[in-house]
Protein backbone atom coordinates (compact mmCIF):
# COMPACT_ATOMS: atom_id res chain seq x y z
CA MET A 1 -60.29 -91.17 23.23
CA ASN A 2 -56.50 -90.80 24.06
CA ARG A 3 -53.69 -92.25 22.16
CA ARG A 4 -53.13 -95.36 24.44
CA GLU A 5 -56.88 -96.09 24.22
CA PHE A 6 -56.84 -95.76 20.43
CA LEU A 7 -53.88 -98.15 20.05
CA GLN A 8 -55.50 -100.77 22.43
CA LEU A 9 -58.66 -100.57 20.53
CA SER A 10 -57.18 -100.80 16.99
CA ALA A 11 -54.94 -103.69 18.12
CA ALA A 12 -57.94 -105.61 19.45
CA SER A 13 -60.02 -105.06 16.57
CA ALA A 14 -57.48 -106.16 14.10
CA GLY A 15 -56.16 -109.06 15.87
CA THR A 16 -52.39 -109.39 16.60
CA CYS A 17 -52.40 -113.09 15.41
CA ALA A 18 -53.76 -112.40 11.80
CA VAL A 19 -50.14 -111.70 10.40
CA ALA A 20 -50.15 -114.95 8.45
CA GLY A 21 -53.34 -113.74 6.14
CA LEU A 22 -51.88 -110.38 5.28
CA VAL A 23 -51.40 -109.90 1.73
CA GLY A 24 -51.85 -107.25 -1.06
CA ARG A 25 -50.66 -103.76 -1.58
CA PRO A 26 -53.14 -101.37 0.05
CA GLU A 27 -53.44 -97.73 -0.14
CA SER A 28 -51.09 -95.95 2.40
CA LEU A 29 -53.63 -94.99 4.94
CA GLN A 30 -51.96 -93.25 8.13
CA ALA A 31 -53.73 -93.14 11.37
CA ALA A 32 -53.63 -89.64 12.64
CA GLU A 33 -53.20 -91.13 16.20
CA ALA A 34 -50.01 -92.87 15.39
CA PRO A 35 -46.71 -91.16 16.48
CA GLU A 36 -45.37 -88.45 14.19
CA SER A 37 -42.27 -90.49 13.46
CA ILE A 38 -44.54 -93.37 11.96
CA ARG A 39 -46.91 -91.04 10.22
CA ASP A 40 -43.87 -89.60 8.44
CA LEU A 41 -42.81 -92.84 6.98
CA LYS A 42 -43.09 -93.03 3.24
CA PRO A 43 -44.16 -96.03 0.87
CA MET A 44 -41.41 -98.33 -0.12
CA LEU A 45 -43.02 -99.63 -3.23
CA ASP A 46 -41.13 -97.93 -6.12
CA GLY A 47 -39.52 -100.36 -8.48
CA ILE A 48 -41.44 -103.31 -7.51
CA VAL A 49 -41.98 -105.78 -10.67
CA PRO A 50 -44.95 -108.22 -10.35
CA ILE A 51 -44.66 -111.78 -11.49
CA THR A 52 -45.21 -111.85 -15.21
CA SER A 53 -47.68 -113.82 -17.22
CA ALA A 54 -44.78 -115.56 -18.87
CA GLU A 55 -43.36 -116.70 -15.64
CA ARG A 56 -46.88 -118.02 -14.36
CA SER A 57 -47.23 -119.88 -17.91
CA GLY A 58 -43.75 -121.60 -16.96
CA ARG A 59 -45.06 -122.58 -13.70
CA LEU A 60 -47.96 -124.41 -15.20
CA GLU A 61 -45.81 -126.13 -17.59
CA LYS A 62 -43.63 -127.24 -14.79
CA ALA A 63 -46.59 -128.48 -12.92
CA ARG A 64 -47.55 -130.54 -15.80
CA GLU A 65 -44.11 -132.16 -15.88
CA LEU A 66 -44.36 -133.01 -12.34
CA MET A 67 -47.98 -134.42 -13.01
CA LEU A 68 -46.72 -136.46 -15.84
CA GLU A 69 -43.88 -137.85 -13.92
CA ASN A 70 -46.05 -138.85 -11.08
CA GLY A 71 -48.97 -140.17 -13.06
CA ILE A 72 -51.42 -137.52 -12.10
CA ASP A 73 -53.80 -136.48 -14.92
CA ALA A 74 -55.36 -133.20 -13.66
CA LEU A 75 -54.84 -130.79 -10.61
CA TYR A 76 -57.69 -129.42 -8.66
CA LEU A 77 -57.35 -125.93 -7.05
CA GLU A 78 -59.58 -123.74 -5.14
CA PRO A 79 -58.73 -120.05 -4.26
CA GLY A 80 -55.44 -119.66 -2.03
CA SER A 81 -51.85 -119.31 -2.65
CA SER A 82 -51.34 -122.12 -5.10
CA LEU A 83 -54.06 -120.95 -7.47
CA PHE A 84 -52.50 -117.47 -7.20
CA TYR A 85 -49.14 -118.75 -7.87
CA TYR A 86 -50.00 -120.57 -11.13
CA THR A 87 -52.50 -117.93 -12.56
CA GLY A 88 -52.41 -114.72 -10.64
CA PHE A 89 -56.24 -115.39 -10.03
CA GLN A 90 -57.33 -114.12 -6.49
CA PHE A 91 -60.83 -114.85 -5.17
CA HIS A 92 -62.53 -115.35 -1.96
CA ARG A 93 -63.43 -118.65 -0.61
CA SER A 94 -67.12 -119.54 0.49
CA GLU A 95 -69.48 -122.46 0.41
CA ARG A 96 -69.62 -121.89 -3.26
CA MET A 97 -67.28 -123.76 -5.46
CA THR A 98 -64.67 -121.45 -7.14
CA ALA A 99 -61.95 -123.66 -8.70
CA LEU A 100 -59.57 -124.55 -11.42
CA VAL A 101 -58.79 -127.79 -13.12
CA VAL A 102 -55.46 -128.19 -14.70
CA PRO A 103 -55.04 -131.18 -16.79
CA SER A 104 -51.52 -132.75 -17.50
CA ARG A 105 -52.41 -132.08 -21.30
CA GLY A 106 -55.09 -129.82 -22.67
CA LYS A 107 -56.50 -126.50 -21.59
CA ILE A 108 -57.25 -125.46 -18.06
CA ALA A 109 -60.73 -124.78 -16.84
CA TYR A 110 -62.36 -122.44 -14.20
CA ILE A 111 -65.50 -123.47 -12.45
CA LEU A 112 -67.40 -120.30 -11.21
CA PRO A 113 -70.62 -119.22 -9.69
CA LYS A 114 -72.55 -117.63 -12.46
CA PHE A 115 -73.43 -114.42 -10.42
CA GLU A 116 -69.57 -114.00 -9.95
CA GLU A 117 -68.82 -114.11 -13.60
CA ASP A 118 -68.33 -110.40 -14.19
CA LYS A 119 -66.12 -109.76 -11.25
CA ALA A 120 -63.89 -113.12 -12.09
CA ARG A 121 -63.52 -112.17 -15.78
CA GLU A 122 -61.78 -108.98 -14.77
CA MET A 123 -58.89 -111.29 -13.93
CA LEU A 124 -59.24 -113.93 -16.74
CA GLN A 125 -58.21 -113.98 -20.22
CA PRO A 126 -60.96 -113.66 -22.82
CA ASP A 127 -60.36 -117.23 -24.24
CA ASP A 128 -60.22 -119.04 -20.89
CA ASP A 129 -62.45 -122.11 -20.45
CA VAL A 130 -64.96 -120.93 -17.91
CA ARG A 131 -67.72 -123.26 -16.76
CA LEU A 132 -70.42 -121.44 -14.87
CA TRP A 133 -73.11 -122.86 -12.46
CA GLU A 134 -76.23 -121.21 -11.25
CA GLU A 135 -77.35 -121.46 -7.55
CA HIS A 136 -79.57 -124.42 -7.95
CA GLU A 137 -77.05 -126.53 -10.09
CA SER A 138 -74.27 -128.77 -9.00
CA PRO A 139 -70.72 -127.45 -9.67
CA TYR A 140 -69.46 -130.99 -9.05
CA LYS A 141 -71.08 -132.01 -12.18
CA LEU A 142 -69.09 -129.35 -14.11
CA VAL A 143 -65.68 -130.72 -12.70
CA ALA A 144 -66.75 -134.09 -13.82
CA GLN A 145 -67.60 -132.77 -17.25
CA VAL A 146 -64.20 -131.10 -17.53
CA LEU A 147 -62.51 -134.55 -16.77
CA ARG A 148 -64.59 -136.26 -19.50
CA ASP A 149 -63.96 -133.39 -21.94
CA ARG A 150 -60.17 -133.94 -21.40
CA LYS A 151 -60.45 -137.77 -21.65
CA ILE A 152 -59.35 -138.25 -18.13
CA ALA A 153 -62.71 -139.25 -16.27
CA GLY A 154 -61.15 -142.35 -14.95
CA GLY A 155 -57.76 -141.05 -14.10
CA LYS A 156 -56.05 -139.64 -11.09
CA LEU A 157 -57.15 -136.11 -9.85
CA GLY A 158 -54.48 -134.43 -7.73
CA ILE A 159 -56.04 -132.44 -4.81
CA GLU A 160 -54.14 -129.41 -3.51
CA GLU A 161 -53.52 -129.80 0.16
CA ASN A 162 -55.64 -126.85 1.30
CA VAL A 163 -58.62 -127.95 -0.51
CA ARG A 164 -61.67 -128.32 1.89
CA PHE A 165 -63.31 -131.82 2.33
CA PHE A 166 -66.82 -130.96 1.20
CA LEU A 167 -65.43 -130.20 -2.27
CA THR A 168 -63.56 -133.47 -2.73
CA ASP A 169 -66.64 -135.27 -1.44
CA GLY A 170 -68.92 -133.47 -3.91
CA ILE A 171 -66.65 -134.37 -6.91
CA ARG A 172 -66.37 -137.75 -5.76
CA SER A 173 -70.31 -138.04 -5.95
CA GLU A 174 -70.32 -137.06 -9.50
CA ALA A 175 -67.13 -138.57 -10.70
CA PRO A 176 -66.77 -141.96 -8.72
CA GLN A 177 -64.28 -143.48 -11.07
CA VAL A 178 -61.80 -140.59 -10.40
CA ASN A 179 -58.84 -141.56 -8.12
CA MET A 180 -58.14 -138.74 -5.90
CA VAL A 181 -54.41 -138.25 -4.78
CA ASN A 182 -52.31 -135.77 -2.73
CA ALA A 183 -51.00 -132.99 -5.21
CA THR A 184 -48.39 -131.85 -3.07
CA VAL A 185 -45.69 -133.55 -5.11
CA VAL A 186 -46.65 -130.95 -7.76
CA THR A 187 -47.62 -127.94 -5.95
CA ALA A 188 -44.54 -127.99 -3.36
CA GLY A 189 -42.56 -129.33 -6.16
CA CYS A 190 -43.11 -126.00 -8.31
CA ARG A 191 -43.32 -123.53 -5.34
CA MET A 192 -40.37 -124.64 -3.04
CA ARG A 193 -37.71 -123.29 -5.34
CA LYS A 194 -38.25 -119.48 -5.81
CA SER A 195 -37.12 -117.57 -8.99
CA GLU A 196 -35.16 -114.40 -9.10
CA ALA A 197 -38.46 -112.52 -9.42
CA GLU A 198 -39.94 -114.16 -6.44
CA LEU A 199 -36.56 -113.51 -4.37
CA SER A 200 -36.73 -109.89 -5.30
CA LEU A 201 -40.28 -109.49 -4.11
CA MET A 202 -39.38 -111.22 -0.76
CA GLN A 203 -36.37 -109.14 -0.48
CA ARG A 204 -38.38 -105.99 -0.58
CA ALA A 205 -40.91 -107.44 2.09
CA ASN A 206 -38.04 -108.12 4.37
CA ASP A 207 -36.58 -104.44 3.84
CA ILE A 208 -39.86 -103.01 4.62
CA THR A 209 -40.29 -105.15 7.70
CA ILE A 210 -37.16 -104.01 9.07
CA VAL A 211 -37.93 -100.41 8.66
CA ALA A 212 -41.42 -100.88 10.23
CA TYR A 213 -39.75 -102.79 13.12
CA LYS A 214 -37.29 -100.01 13.91
CA ALA A 215 -40.00 -97.33 13.85
CA ALA A 216 -42.08 -99.25 16.37
CA VAL A 217 -39.34 -100.22 18.73
CA ALA A 218 -38.36 -96.51 18.53
CA GLU A 219 -41.73 -95.49 20.22
CA LEU A 220 -41.59 -98.16 23.02
CA THR A 221 -41.91 -96.63 26.54
CA GLU A 222 -42.01 -98.00 30.11
CA GLY A 223 -45.62 -98.95 30.62
CA SER A 224 -46.30 -99.83 26.97
CA THR A 225 -48.59 -102.59 26.33
CA GLN A 226 -48.06 -105.41 23.79
CA HIS A 227 -51.26 -104.12 22.16
CA GLU A 228 -49.68 -100.63 21.68
CA PHE A 229 -46.52 -102.07 20.40
CA ALA A 230 -48.27 -104.13 17.81
CA ALA A 231 -50.68 -101.23 16.86
CA ASN A 232 -47.75 -98.93 16.24
CA CYS A 233 -46.00 -101.65 14.05
CA ARG A 234 -49.17 -102.24 12.03
CA ALA A 235 -49.38 -98.37 11.50
CA ALA A 236 -45.75 -98.27 10.20
CA PHE A 237 -46.45 -100.99 7.61
CA THR A 238 -49.55 -99.06 6.48
CA ALA A 239 -47.44 -95.93 6.05
CA LEU A 240 -44.89 -97.92 4.22
CA GLY A 241 -47.49 -99.02 1.85
CA VAL A 242 -48.23 -102.70 2.87
CA LYS A 243 -50.36 -104.78 4.99
CA GLY A 244 -48.38 -106.34 7.96
CA GLY A 245 -48.31 -106.70 11.61
CA ILE A 246 -46.69 -108.38 14.62
CA PHE A 247 -47.51 -110.29 18.04
CA ALA A 248 -45.37 -109.06 20.81
CA GLN A 249 -44.85 -110.15 24.15
CA PHE A 250 -42.80 -108.71 27.23
CA GLY A 251 -41.10 -110.29 30.31
CA LYS A 252 -41.90 -114.00 31.27
CA TYR A 253 -44.50 -114.21 28.51
CA THR A 254 -41.45 -114.20 26.00
CA ALA A 255 -41.18 -117.83 27.16
CA PHE A 256 -44.55 -118.72 25.31
CA PRO A 257 -43.28 -119.27 21.64
CA HIS A 258 -46.51 -117.71 20.37
CA GLY A 259 -47.33 -115.50 23.03
CA SER A 260 -50.00 -114.99 25.77
CA SER A 261 -53.32 -113.20 25.58
CA LYS A 262 -52.75 -111.58 28.95
CA LEU A 263 -52.29 -107.87 29.06
CA GLN A 264 -48.72 -106.98 29.58
CA HIS A 265 -46.98 -103.57 30.49
CA LEU A 266 -43.34 -103.24 29.57
CA LYS A 267 -41.05 -102.74 32.48
CA GLU A 268 -37.37 -101.47 32.49
CA GLY A 269 -35.01 -104.36 32.06
CA GLU A 270 -37.61 -106.77 30.72
CA VAL A 271 -37.12 -108.98 27.58
CA ALA A 272 -39.30 -108.01 24.67
CA LEU A 273 -40.17 -110.25 21.54
CA MET A 274 -41.79 -109.08 18.32
CA ASP A 275 -42.52 -111.67 15.52
CA GLY A 276 -44.37 -110.94 12.23
CA GLY A 277 -43.99 -109.29 8.87
CA CYS A 278 -45.73 -108.18 5.75
CA SER A 279 -46.30 -109.22 2.14
CA VAL A 280 -45.33 -107.68 -1.23
CA GLU A 281 -47.34 -108.87 -4.21
CA GLY A 282 -48.25 -111.86 -1.99
CA TYR A 283 -44.80 -112.78 -1.10
CA ARG A 284 -44.09 -112.82 2.84
CA SER A 285 -41.46 -111.70 5.30
CA ASP A 286 -41.10 -113.23 8.69
CA ILE A 287 -38.85 -111.74 11.34
CA SER A 288 -38.39 -111.99 15.01
CA ARG A 289 -36.38 -109.81 17.19
CA THR A 290 -35.89 -110.33 21.00
CA PHE A 291 -34.12 -107.53 23.02
CA VAL A 292 -33.96 -106.25 26.42
CA PHE A 293 -35.77 -102.76 27.07
CA GLY A 294 -33.02 -100.94 28.97
CA LYS A 295 -29.86 -102.76 30.42
CA ALA A 296 -29.51 -106.34 30.12
CA THR A 297 -28.40 -108.62 33.14
CA GLN A 298 -25.55 -111.17 32.64
CA ARG A 299 -28.22 -113.87 32.50
CA GLN A 300 -30.22 -112.43 29.67
CA ARG A 301 -27.17 -111.50 27.73
CA ALA A 302 -25.77 -115.13 27.89
CA VAL A 303 -29.09 -116.63 26.72
CA TRP A 304 -29.36 -114.20 23.95
CA ASP A 305 -25.81 -114.96 22.88
CA LEU A 306 -26.38 -118.57 22.96
CA GLU A 307 -29.42 -118.23 20.82
CA ARG A 308 -27.57 -116.16 18.35
CA LYS A 309 -24.79 -118.82 18.20
CA ALA A 310 -27.55 -121.42 17.27
CA GLN A 311 -28.91 -119.27 14.62
CA ASP A 312 -25.48 -118.67 13.09
CA VAL A 313 -24.68 -122.35 13.24
CA ALA A 314 -27.89 -123.35 11.52
CA LEU A 315 -27.23 -120.67 8.61
CA ALA A 316 -23.71 -122.12 8.03
CA ALA A 317 -25.11 -125.80 8.02
CA ALA A 318 -27.75 -124.87 5.17
CA LYS A 319 -26.03 -125.67 1.96
CA PRO A 320 -27.08 -127.38 -1.33
CA GLY A 321 -27.28 -131.15 -0.81
CA VAL A 322 -27.63 -131.09 2.84
CA PRO A 323 -30.82 -132.73 4.33
CA CYS A 324 -33.27 -130.30 5.90
CA GLU A 325 -33.11 -132.10 9.20
CA ALA A 326 -29.31 -131.49 9.47
CA VAL A 327 -29.88 -127.88 9.90
CA ASP A 328 -32.28 -128.33 12.78
CA ALA A 329 -29.69 -130.61 14.41
CA ALA A 330 -26.93 -128.26 14.02
CA ALA A 331 -28.86 -125.60 15.86
CA ARG A 332 -30.27 -127.89 18.48
CA THR A 333 -26.99 -129.36 19.36
CA VAL A 334 -25.58 -125.97 20.23
CA ILE A 335 -28.40 -125.25 22.68
CA THR A 336 -28.51 -128.66 24.40
CA GLN A 337 -24.70 -128.94 24.71
CA ALA A 338 -24.85 -125.57 26.51
CA GLY A 339 -27.02 -127.11 29.22
CA PHE A 340 -30.51 -126.33 28.04
CA GLY A 341 -32.00 -129.70 28.48
CA SER A 342 -32.40 -132.31 25.77
CA ASP A 343 -34.34 -132.49 22.71
CA TYR A 344 -37.42 -130.08 22.85
CA GLU A 345 -37.14 -129.12 26.56
CA PHE A 346 -36.07 -125.66 26.03
CA PHE A 347 -35.93 -125.47 22.28
CA SER A 348 -39.50 -126.52 21.74
CA HIS A 349 -40.12 -126.24 17.97
CA ARG A 350 -38.40 -126.99 14.57
CA VAL A 351 -35.48 -124.42 13.58
CA GLY A 352 -37.59 -123.14 10.59
CA HIS A 353 -40.23 -123.40 7.83
CA GLY A 354 -40.46 -122.83 4.24
CA ILE A 355 -41.70 -119.37 3.22
CA GLY A 356 -43.12 -117.66 0.06
CA LEU A 357 -46.70 -116.91 -0.85
CA ASP A 358 -47.67 -118.50 2.55
CA GLY A 359 -45.88 -117.46 5.76
CA HIS A 360 -45.26 -121.30 6.36
CA GLU A 361 -44.96 -123.54 3.53
CA TRP A 362 -43.04 -126.62 2.10
CA THR A 363 -40.51 -127.76 3.07
CA TYR A 364 -39.58 -127.68 6.80
CA LEU A 365 -36.17 -127.48 8.77
CA VAL A 366 -37.08 -130.43 11.08
CA ARG A 367 -35.97 -133.76 12.30
CA GLY A 368 -37.12 -136.58 9.96
CA ASN A 369 -37.05 -134.40 6.87
CA ARG A 370 -34.45 -135.71 4.56
CA THR A 371 -35.26 -133.39 1.68
CA LEU A 372 -32.15 -131.94 0.24
CA LEU A 373 -31.59 -128.37 0.21
CA ALA A 374 -31.32 -126.80 -3.37
CA PRO A 375 -30.79 -123.39 -4.59
CA GLY A 376 -33.80 -121.13 -4.56
CA MET A 377 -35.33 -122.79 -1.36
CA CYS A 378 -36.25 -120.27 1.32
CA PHE A 379 -36.73 -120.73 5.02
CA SER A 380 -36.90 -119.11 8.29
CA ASP A 381 -33.84 -119.53 10.60
CA GLU A 382 -35.42 -119.26 14.10
CA PRO A 383 -33.98 -121.51 16.90
CA GLY A 384 -35.46 -120.33 20.37
CA ILE A 385 -34.64 -120.75 24.01
CA TYR A 386 -37.58 -120.57 26.25
CA ILE A 387 -37.14 -120.69 29.82
CA LYS A 388 -40.58 -120.75 31.86
CA GLY A 389 -41.39 -118.29 34.28
CA GLU A 390 -38.26 -116.28 33.21
CA PHE A 391 -37.97 -115.28 29.61
CA GLY A 392 -37.55 -116.54 26.03
CA VAL A 393 -35.40 -115.56 23.32
CA ARG A 394 -36.04 -116.05 19.38
CA LEU A 395 -34.03 -114.53 16.71
CA GLU A 396 -35.62 -115.10 13.17
CA ASP A 397 -34.37 -114.05 9.92
CA CYS A 398 -35.29 -115.62 6.61
CA MET A 399 -32.60 -117.24 4.26
CA HIS A 400 -32.68 -118.39 0.74
CA ILE A 401 -30.25 -121.25 -0.49
CA THR A 402 -27.68 -120.27 -3.15
CA ASP A 403 -25.14 -122.30 -5.02
CA ASP A 404 -22.60 -121.44 -2.25
CA GLY A 405 -24.84 -121.74 0.74
CA ALA A 406 -27.61 -119.93 2.62
CA ARG A 407 -28.03 -116.12 2.33
CA LEU A 408 -29.98 -113.99 4.69
CA PHE A 409 -32.56 -111.37 3.48
CA THR A 410 -31.75 -109.23 6.54
CA GLU A 411 -28.92 -108.18 8.78
CA GLN A 412 -28.86 -110.24 12.02
CA SER A 413 -29.75 -108.55 15.34
CA PRO A 414 -26.35 -107.58 16.60
CA ASP A 415 -26.82 -107.44 20.32
CA VAL A 416 -29.28 -108.12 23.32
CA GLU A 417 -29.75 -104.29 23.66
CA ARG A 418 -29.83 -103.38 20.01
CA PRO A 419 -32.12 -105.44 17.97
CA PHE A 420 -30.94 -103.75 14.65
CA GLY A 421 -27.46 -103.06 13.14
């Protein structure tokens, strides 16, 4: 198997669209088939400070404050980013209930399959309230019992937005008096504004991503496929000590905002687009770079420069007290006034999404969202111009809101032919 075959196989087996699910800090395994420049990269994990138990306790208290303000008596979470956010507990999802009930007053309680107890207790405190169920038993009865024990059997149970339907349906069957409500006001209310510790982890993830991107771009040659490009980038992330990846597109397929499945071979003078990131202690980066492989045409440069202007305008508009929709409107006005259609014709998506433990999370920079920006909120800044049959340009850097305005985690792309400063 030659290098090209290896890269194509590894890209296909891992999947270039799995970037959103990448978490953790793996061992720095380096594929011998990766280019030497990528194999020589060193882990960038020194000095990382994980989120402390004290900060997680503060998050639970904030959740309880929001629950009381909104008349919610308890919060129900299953494994995922919100459960990890509040407790640091990470567990897989399956058809078996694993869950956490957080009452607005009183002790939290875990619901776990009995045969998973030993594994789960490695991540729990000795005095945690843990309710166990055997394979033939109903975990829904345990949830109902927790609510009765906390004197809220007839109250409001806030359901985290990613909880699967069969779980809420099962709880309803055992606790019919419970009023289930959307808990986003609590979970997003806590998670939208990041602490300094969270911002530090996100900064590291962004720093690592830029290094990985530079290494992968340096290995591009005429005839490279998008799968080779993605495999080199993934190998770079691995060498740097994290899990991460990109999806990549060339030529006319860059006009597909989330890419095409067709095999592409890079040609001199074509536009290339890469989009992805990594995570550090669960906190994500998300960066897009669009550039010309070789010398840009006047048309390519003009569209790229307009896109960069729209990104700059969105960044300038993102200030505390400004509604989220105003940031989208600022970038969209630049693009439409330059003659690229109206509304979503060429700029076909919102200008940005929230980011943190999830690659896309509350809240969003989109028309109709009147949520006011506040310090600590984090977003992507990624307007796009997509010309079907020709090419597309998206520049994406993530920003966080400060008292004085928005600040980027990364240096913006300086030029259509130079994706990095």
